[in-house]
Amino acid sequence: MDSTQEVELQIPVAVKESSRIQMLEDDTNQQQQQQLSRFSKHYGWWFRICVYITFLLVGQSAATLLGRFYYDKGGNSKWMATFVQSAGFPILIPLLFLLKSSKIVSSSSSEKPSKSYLSLLYVFFGLLLAGNNLMYSYGLLYLPVSTYSLICASQLAFNVLFSFVLNAQKFTALILNSVVIVTISASLLAVHSESDTSSTKLSVGKYVIGFVCTVAASATYALYLSLLELTFKRVIKSESFDTILKMIIYPSFVATCACVVGLYASGEWRNLTAEMNGFQKGEISYLMTLIWTAVLWQIGSVGLLGLIFEVSSLFSNVISTLALPVVPVLAVIFFHDKMDGEKVIALLLALWGFLSYIYQNYLDDYKAKSSKSDVENTS
């Protein structure tokens, strides 16, 4: 009788022990699946980041070189050079339909802006983009590629300033160091302009115009990105991929229309046929230069908006400065630009400022991951 009762008592204990083991196994499997999912998402995210960075660097560097090639081989229309920077937007339209369901943040509970308000935003950003591209065209016309690219480093300083004012970006010692160093780098090129003006046979006046336009374009570009991020967060309150594409395509359409108006208003359209016939590499080369310049700028835009999609507008602008050391080297190879001592020093300073900024982003990312890990361990 006693043995029978002992067996009866052991059965529930065995069942409970088996259930506990099964629960532990289920928890272990669930944790492994969660870890595998986080691992997959983490490396998938880094893969997309690498692709977007490649698009931005390749598109920006190659488009800048082709723009210089256009001017060197007989092209002289500033409005045409401005036109091709935005006219390639139709190649992005298929992405608008293929990837419209991909989202970052969904804010269905918030009130969406009206179509008329969005239209005003598209027009504003489009006109801002057209003016920015025109100033870049003046800079590329009157400056060597190497000088033009290194002056564009000032957009990083402007981006930090606008991000602090508009996007609540916090200043640190490394960011401040980056701003000061990159500003000194751009200023060094302005002070030592004699070698550039003599090598390119440009007057000092045209060099100054090119320098001022390039700096102003860098500031406008930084303002454009900061306002774009602010619009996503405060106005549209949605960062779905199709929303970002619309914010690129529609302003580019407005910018293209503005360039067409400028092309006819300035009278430059009358010289396009003669310009094409007189192009040193031939008419086909003239057309292919313009077409591929437009395509490459849009490839760069895909990388730019992809980084905005995955990270932020500030990070995308930081990565765009990575092309600065590449373009002057390619310009020396393909266009025989002179790489004198001042440019070498300016290049090293720009690299120093860039690496300082990248290291600050690394520290911020590491701090965010550590905080998240502490919260998970506590819970």
Protein backbone atom coordinates (compact mmCIF):
# COMPACT_ATOMS: atom_id res chain seq x y z
CA MET A 1 0.00 0.00 0.00
CA ASP A 2 2.81 2.40 0.92
CA SER A 3 4.67 1.61 -2.30
CA THR A 4 1.54 2.28 -4.32
CA GLN A 5 1.10 5.69 -2.71
CA GLU A 6 4.75 6.53 -3.36
CA VAL A 7 4.32 5.69 -7.06
CA GLU A 8 1.19 7.84 -7.23
CA LEU A 9 3.07 10.73 -5.63
CA GLN A 10 6.04 10.36 -7.99
CA ILE A 11 3.91 10.53 -11.15
CA PRO A 12 2.80 14.20 -10.69
CA VAL A 13 6.37 15.14 -9.75
CA ALA A 14 7.68 13.52 -12.94
CA VAL A 15 5.03 15.25 -14.99
CA LYS A 16 5.90 18.63 -13.47
CA GLU A 17 9.60 18.02 -14.01
CA SER A 18 8.96 17.06 -17.65
CA SER A 19 6.82 20.17 -18.16
CA ARG A 20 9.50 22.38 -16.63
CA ILE A 21 12.17 20.89 -18.89
CA GLN A 22 9.92 21.38 -21.91
CA MET A 23 9.32 25.03 -20.96
CA LEU A 24 13.05 25.59 -20.58
CA GLU A 25 13.67 24.04 -23.99
CA ASP A 26 10.95 26.22 -25.54
CA ASP A 27 12.42 29.32 -23.93
CA THR A 28 15.88 28.35 -25.17
CA ASN A 29 14.61 27.79 -28.70
CA GLN A 30 12.74 31.09 -28.62
CA GLN A 31 15.82 32.93 -27.42
CA GLN A 32 17.93 31.30 -30.15
CA GLN A 33 15.38 32.31 -32.78
CA GLN A 34 15.33 35.86 -31.47
CA GLN A 35 19.12 36.01 -31.49
CA LEU A 36 19.21 34.62 -35.02
CA SER A 37 16.60 37.16 -36.11
CA ARG A 38 18.56 40.03 -34.55
CA PHE A 39 21.76 38.71 -36.13
CA SER A 40 20.09 38.53 -39.54
CA LYS A 41 18.58 42.00 -39.25
CA HIS A 42 21.86 43.47 -38.02
CA TYR A 43 23.96 42.17 -40.89
CA GLY A 44 21.17 42.81 -43.40
CA TRP A 45 21.12 46.42 -42.22
CA TRP A 46 24.88 46.76 -42.64
CA PHE A 47 24.67 45.22 -46.12
CA ARG A 48 22.08 47.80 -47.17
CA ILE A 49 24.19 50.57 -45.67
CA CYS A 50 27.23 49.41 -47.68
CA VAL A 51 25.17 49.32 -50.88
CA TYR A 52 23.82 52.82 -50.30
CA ILE A 53 27.28 54.16 -49.47
CA THR A 54 28.63 52.64 -52.69
CA PHE A 55 25.83 54.20 -54.74
CA LEU A 56 26.44 57.61 -53.18
CA LEU A 57 30.21 57.57 -53.59
CA VAL A 58 30.22 56.18 -57.14
CA GLY A 59 27.39 58.40 -58.33
CA GLN A 60 28.74 61.59 -56.82
CA SER A 61 32.38 61.06 -57.87
CA ALA A 62 31.64 59.95 -61.43
CA ALA A 63 28.98 62.64 -62.00
CA THR A 64 31.39 65.35 -60.81
CA LEU A 65 34.10 64.13 -63.17
CA LEU A 66 31.67 63.97 -66.10
CA GLY A 67 30.54 67.49 -65.31
CA ARG A 68 34.13 68.66 -65.54
CA PHE A 69 34.55 66.65 -68.76
CA TYR A 70 31.52 68.43 -70.23
CA TYR A 71 33.10 71.84 -69.64
CA ASP A 72 36.62 70.84 -70.70
CA LYS A 73 35.53 69.40 -74.07
CA GLY A 74 33.48 72.37 -75.23
CA GLY A 75 30.34 72.47 -73.11
CA ASN A 76 29.54 75.93 -71.79
CA SER A 77 25.87 75.94 -70.79
CA LYS A 78 25.50 76.40 -67.06
CA TRP A 79 21.75 75.74 -67.27
CA MET A 80 22.29 72.47 -69.14
CA ALA A 81 24.80 71.37 -66.50
CA THR A 82 22.20 72.26 -63.88
CA PHE A 83 19.44 70.50 -65.81
CA VAL A 84 21.17 67.11 -65.88
CA GLN A 85 21.62 67.12 -62.09
CA SER A 86 17.88 66.62 -61.62
CA ALA A 87 16.56 65.46 -65.01
CA GLY A 88 17.31 61.78 -64.39
CA PHE A 89 14.50 61.39 -61.86
CA PRO A 90 12.33 59.18 -64.18
CA ILE A 91 14.66 56.23 -63.48
CA LEU A 92 13.44 56.34 -59.86
CA ILE A 93 9.76 56.08 -60.77
CA PRO A 94 9.80 52.24 -61.00
CA LEU A 95 11.15 52.13 -57.42
CA LEU A 96 8.17 54.21 -56.35
CA PHE A 97 5.86 51.39 -57.42
CA LEU A 98 8.06 48.43 -56.51
CA LEU A 99 9.05 49.51 -53.00
CA LYS A 100 6.11 51.69 -51.96
CA SER A 101 5.09 49.26 -49.20
CA SER A 102 8.49 49.35 -47.44
CA LYS A 103 8.30 51.49 -44.29
CA ILE A 104 10.47 52.76 -41.51
CA VAL A 105 8.00 54.55 -39.31
CA SER A 106 4.26 54.38 -39.50
CA SER A 107 2.21 57.18 -38.03
CA SER A 108 -1.32 56.26 -39.04
CA SER A 109 -2.74 57.87 -35.91
CA SER A 110 -1.33 61.29 -36.78
CA GLU A 111 -3.05 63.65 -39.15
CA LYS A 112 -1.49 63.63 -42.59
CA PRO A 113 -0.80 66.93 -44.37
CA SER A 114 -3.10 67.92 -47.20
CA LYS A 115 -2.15 67.43 -50.83
CA SER A 116 -2.00 71.18 -51.39
CA TYR A 117 0.44 71.57 -48.48
CA LEU A 118 2.58 68.72 -49.80
CA SER A 119 2.55 70.35 -53.23
CA LEU A 120 3.88 73.58 -51.72
CA LEU A 121 6.63 71.59 -50.01
CA TYR A 122 7.57 69.89 -53.28
CA VAL A 123 7.72 73.25 -55.08
CA PHE A 124 9.80 74.81 -52.30
CA PHE A 125 12.29 71.95 -52.19
CA GLY A 126 12.41 71.81 -55.98
CA LEU A 127 13.27 75.50 -56.34
CA LEU A 128 15.82 75.20 -53.54
CA LEU A 129 17.37 72.22 -55.33
CA ALA A 130 17.46 74.08 -58.66
CA GLY A 131 19.23 77.08 -57.12
CA ASN A 132 21.66 74.78 -55.35
CA ASN A 133 22.48 72.89 -58.55
CA LEU A 134 22.98 76.15 -60.47
CA MET A 135 25.52 77.37 -57.92
CA TYR A 136 27.31 74.03 -58.12
CA SER A 137 27.41 74.41 -61.92
CA TYR A 138 29.09 77.81 -61.60
CA GLY A 139 31.59 76.35 -59.19
CA LEU A 140 32.40 73.43 -61.46
CA LEU A 141 32.77 75.79 -64.44
CA TYR A 142 35.19 78.21 -62.77
CA LEU A 143 37.18 75.86 -60.53
CA PRO A 144 39.39 72.81 -61.10
CA VAL A 145 37.76 69.56 -60.00
CA SER A 146 40.17 69.07 -57.12
CA THR A 147 39.57 72.56 -55.70
CA TYR A 148 35.83 72.30 -56.27
CA SER A 149 35.61 68.97 -54.44
CA LEU A 150 37.68 70.06 -51.47
CA ILE A 151 35.67 73.26 -50.99
CA CYS A 152 32.55 71.07 -50.92
CA ALA A 153 33.91 69.74 -47.63
CA SER A 154 32.47 72.85 -46.02
CA GLN A 155 29.00 71.32 -46.41
CA LEU A 156 29.86 69.13 -43.40
CA ALA A 157 30.36 72.19 -41.21
CA PHE A 158 27.14 73.74 -42.47
CA ASN A 159 25.29 70.47 -41.94
CA VAL A 160 26.40 70.32 -38.31
CA LEU A 161 25.23 73.90 -37.79
CA PHE A 162 21.82 73.38 -39.38
CA SER A 163 21.38 70.04 -37.65
CA PHE A 164 22.06 71.72 -34.31
CA VAL A 165 19.52 74.47 -34.99
CA LEU A 166 16.82 72.52 -36.83
CA ASN A 167 17.31 68.88 -35.81
CA ALA A 168 18.52 69.27 -32.21
CA GLN A 169 21.96 67.82 -32.98
CA LYS A 170 24.25 67.84 -29.94
CA PHE A 171 27.76 69.24 -30.21
CA THR A 172 30.72 67.25 -28.90
CA ALA A 173 34.43 67.91 -28.89
CA LEU A 174 34.94 65.62 -31.88
CA ILE A 175 32.17 67.28 -33.92
CA LEU A 176 33.50 70.73 -33.07
CA ASN A 177 36.98 69.58 -34.09
CA SER A 178 35.57 68.32 -37.38
CA VAL A 179 33.83 71.64 -38.09
CA VAL A 180 36.94 73.71 -37.39
CA ILE A 181 39.33 71.49 -39.34
CA VAL A 182 37.11 71.21 -42.44
CA THR A 183 36.51 74.97 -42.41
CA ILE A 184 40.26 75.59 -42.27
CA SER A 185 40.69 73.14 -45.15
CA ALA A 186 38.24 75.05 -47.36
CA SER A 187 39.68 78.42 -46.34
CA LEU A 188 43.20 77.26 -47.22
CA LEU A 189 42.10 76.73 -50.83
CA ALA A 190 40.62 80.22 -51.01
CA VAL A 191 43.79 81.90 -49.72
CA HIS A 192 46.13 79.95 -52.01
CA SER A 193 44.24 80.34 -55.28
CA GLU A 194 47.08 81.70 -57.38
CA SER A 195 48.29 78.31 -58.62
CA ASP A 196 44.78 77.30 -59.69
CA THR A 197 44.03 80.52 -61.54
CA SER A 198 47.33 80.33 -63.43
CA SER A 199 47.00 76.64 -64.30
CA THR A 200 43.41 76.94 -65.56
CA LYS A 201 43.91 80.41 -67.18
CA LEU A 202 41.03 81.87 -65.19
CA SER A 203 40.85 85.41 -63.89
CA VAL A 204 40.88 85.97 -60.16
CA GLY A 205 37.34 87.34 -60.44
CA LYS A 206 35.99 84.12 -61.97
CA TYR A 207 37.87 82.06 -59.40
CA VAL A 208 36.26 84.07 -56.60
CA ILE A 209 32.82 83.61 -58.21
CA GLY A 210 33.40 79.88 -58.42
CA PHE A 211 34.61 79.71 -54.83
CA VAL A 212 31.70 81.74 -53.43
CA CYS A 213 29.12 79.78 -55.46
CA THR A 214 30.55 76.45 -54.31
CA VAL A 215 30.56 77.46 -50.65
CA ALA A 216 27.02 78.86 -50.98
CA ALA A 217 25.90 75.66 -52.71
CA SER A 218 27.39 73.58 -49.91
CA ALA A 219 25.48 75.62 -47.33
CA THR A 220 22.26 75.33 -49.36
CA TYR A 221 22.69 71.59 -49.74
CA ALA A 222 23.20 71.16 -45.99
CA LEU A 223 20.10 73.28 -45.35
CA TYR A 224 18.16 71.19 -47.88
CA LEU A 225 18.97 67.93 -46.08
CA SER A 226 18.22 69.33 -42.62
CA LEU A 227 14.90 70.77 -43.78
CA LEU A 228 14.11 67.45 -45.45
CA GLU A 229 14.67 65.54 -42.22
CA LEU A 230 12.68 68.15 -40.29
CA THR A 231 9.81 67.80 -42.75
CA PHE A 232 9.72 64.03 -42.32
CA LYS A 233 9.63 64.28 -38.53
CA ARG A 234 7.44 67.33 -37.94
CA VAL A 235 5.19 67.66 -40.99
CA ILE A 236 4.81 64.38 -42.88
CA LYS A 237 5.51 62.29 -39.77
CA SER A 238 6.11 59.24 -41.94
CA GLU A 239 9.30 57.80 -43.35
CA SER A 240 8.03 55.07 -45.62
CA PHE A 241 10.31 54.43 -48.55
CA ASP A 242 7.74 55.63 -51.07
CA THR A 243 7.37 58.87 -49.10
CA ILE A 244 11.11 59.50 -49.37
CA LEU A 245 11.04 58.66 -53.07
CA LYS A 246 8.24 61.17 -53.60
CA MET A 247 10.25 63.78 -51.75
CA ILE A 248 13.08 63.15 -54.24
CA ILE A 249 11.10 62.68 -57.47
CA TYR A 250 8.62 65.56 -57.20
CA PRO A 251 11.16 68.24 -56.17
CA SER A 252 13.46 66.97 -58.93
CA PHE A 253 10.59 67.41 -61.40
CA VAL A 254 10.08 71.00 -60.18
CA ALA A 255 13.84 71.65 -60.35
CA THR A 256 13.96 70.26 -63.89
CA CYS A 257 11.09 72.51 -64.98
CA ALA A 258 12.85 75.51 -63.40
CA CYS A 259 16.02 74.61 -65.32
CA VAL A 260 14.09 74.44 -68.59
CA VAL A 261 12.66 77.91 -67.91
CA GLY A 262 16.14 79.20 -67.08
CA LEU A 263 17.58 77.58 -70.19
CA TYR A 264 15.09 79.42 -72.44
CA ALA A 265 15.06 82.67 -70.45
CA SER A 266 18.84 82.96 -70.59
CA GLY A 267 18.91 82.23 -74.32
CA GLU A 268 21.39 79.39 -73.87
CA TRP A 269 19.06 77.00 -75.74
CA ARG A 270 20.00 78.77 -78.99
CA ASN A 271 23.62 77.66 -78.60
CA LEU A 272 22.97 74.01 -77.74
CA THR A 273 23.09 72.77 -81.34
CA ALA A 274 26.35 74.59 -82.02
CA GLU A 275 27.68 73.37 -78.68
CA MET A 276 26.88 69.76 -79.56
CA ASN A 277 28.43 70.09 -83.06
CA GLY A 278 31.55 71.71 -81.63
CA PHE A 279 32.04 69.21 -78.81
CA GLN A 280 35.61 67.93 -79.09
CA LYS A 281 34.69 64.27 -78.67
CA GLY A 282 31.77 64.33 -81.11
CA GLU A 283 28.00 64.59 -80.94
CA ILE A 284 27.42 61.08 -79.60
CA SER A 285 29.94 61.67 -76.83
CA TYR A 286 28.15 64.95 -76.02
CA LEU A 287 24.79 63.22 -75.65
CA MET A 288 26.22 60.28 -73.71
CA THR A 289 28.02 62.66 -71.34
CA LEU A 290 24.77 64.44 -70.50
CA ILE A 291 22.75 61.22 -70.23
CA TRP A 292 25.22 59.42 -67.98
CA THR A 293 25.72 62.52 -65.85
CA ALA A 294 21.95 62.58 -65.23
CA VAL A 295 21.88 58.85 -64.48
CA LEU A 296 24.87 59.01 -62.13
CA TRP A 297 23.40 61.90 -60.15
CA GLN A 298 20.27 59.84 -59.61
CA ILE A 299 22.32 56.82 -58.54
CA GLY A 300 23.92 59.11 -56.00
CA SER A 301 20.44 60.26 -54.97
CA VAL A 302 19.39 56.65 -54.38
CA GLY A 303 22.36 56.23 -52.06
CA LEU A 304 21.58 59.53 -50.39
CA LEU A 305 17.90 58.79 -49.76
CA GLY A 306 18.79 55.21 -48.78
CA LEU A 307 21.05 56.48 -46.01
CA ILE A 308 18.33 58.90 -44.93
CA PHE A 309 15.94 55.94 -44.97
CA GLU A 310 18.19 53.75 -42.82
CA VAL A 311 20.04 56.28 -40.64
CA SER A 312 19.63 60.06 -41.00
CA SER A 313 20.26 62.98 -43.33
CA LEU A 314 23.25 64.00 -41.23
CA PHE A 315 24.92 60.62 -41.70
CA SER A 316 24.24 60.69 -45.45
CA ASN A 317 25.96 64.05 -45.77
CA VAL A 318 28.94 62.81 -43.76
CA ILE A 319 29.33 59.85 -46.10
CA SER A 320 29.14 62.12 -49.15
CA THR A 321 32.31 63.85 -47.94
CA LEU A 322 34.10 60.54 -48.28
CA ALA A 323 34.16 61.16 -52.04
CA LEU A 324 36.31 64.26 -51.52
CA PRO A 325 39.64 62.42 -51.32
CA VAL A 326 38.67 60.32 -54.35
CA VAL A 327 37.68 63.05 -56.80
CA PRO A 328 40.92 65.11 -56.64
CA VAL A 329 43.00 61.99 -57.23
CA LEU A 330 40.86 61.03 -60.23
CA ALA A 331 41.00 64.62 -61.47
CA VAL A 332 44.80 64.53 -61.42
CA ILE A 333 44.71 61.29 -63.44
CA PHE A 334 42.05 62.20 -66.01
CA PHE A 335 42.17 66.02 -66.21
CA HIS A 336 45.79 66.66 -65.24
CA ASP A 337 44.86 69.02 -62.41
CA LYS A 338 47.82 70.24 -60.41
CA MET A 339 48.04 68.71 -56.92
CA ASP A 340 50.23 71.26 -55.17
CA GLY A 341 51.26 71.48 -51.54
CA GLU A 342 48.27 73.57 -50.46
CA LYS A 343 45.82 71.04 -51.86
CA VAL A 344 47.65 68.16 -50.22
CA ILE A 345 47.46 69.90 -46.84
CA ALA A 346 43.79 70.78 -47.43
CA LEU A 347 43.11 67.17 -48.39
CA LEU A 348 44.73 65.85 -45.22
CA LEU A 349 42.78 68.34 -43.11
CA ALA A 350 39.54 67.31 -44.81
CA LEU A 351 40.33 63.65 -44.08
CA TRP A 352 41.12 64.52 -40.48
CA GLY A 353 37.81 66.31 -40.07
CA PHE A 354 35.92 63.48 -41.76
CA LEU A 355 37.50 60.75 -39.59
CA SER A 356 36.82 62.81 -36.48
CA TYR A 357 33.16 62.99 -37.40
CA ILE A 358 32.97 59.28 -38.23
CA TYR A 359 34.55 58.40 -34.89
CA GLN A 360 31.92 60.47 -33.09
CA ASN A 361 29.19 58.52 -34.92
CA TYR A 362 30.88 55.29 -33.86
CA LEU A 363 30.90 56.40 -30.22
CA ASP A 364 27.21 57.36 -30.40
CA ASP A 365 26.32 54.00 -31.91
CA TYR A 366 28.35 52.11 -29.29
CA LYS A 367 26.71 54.08 -26.48
CA ALA A 368 23.24 53.39 -27.87
CA LYS A 369 23.96 49.65 -28.14
CA SER A 370 25.34 49.55 -24.58
CA SER A 371 22.25 51.29 -23.19
CA LYS A 372 19.97 48.90 -25.05
CA SER A 373 21.92 45.89 -23.77
CA ASP A 374 21.70 47.15 -20.18
CA VAL A 375 17.93 47.56 -20.48
CA GLU A 376 17.53 44.05 -21.89
CA ASN A 377 19.69 42.54 -19.13
CA THR A 378 17.70 44.38 -16.45
CA SER A 379 14.36 43.20 -17.84
